[in-house]
């Protein structure tokens, strides 16, 4: 997620297998910039899928409601 948001990141892993998996995921992030649960500048809780589909208000209205 940090890479997709163009932020700095560091990773530490002792197991070589998981290091390889992480490297592959970082390479994939260059081609797929979508972030699960991130839409219109908002990170949604993974249990809020039903609310996301029902809530089709414009983002500006949503921000005012949450402020």
Foldseek 3Di string as FASTA:
>chain_A
DCVLVVHDDDDDDDDPVVVVVVVVVSVVCVVDSDDPQADPNDRHDPVCPVVVVVDPDDPVVVVVVVD
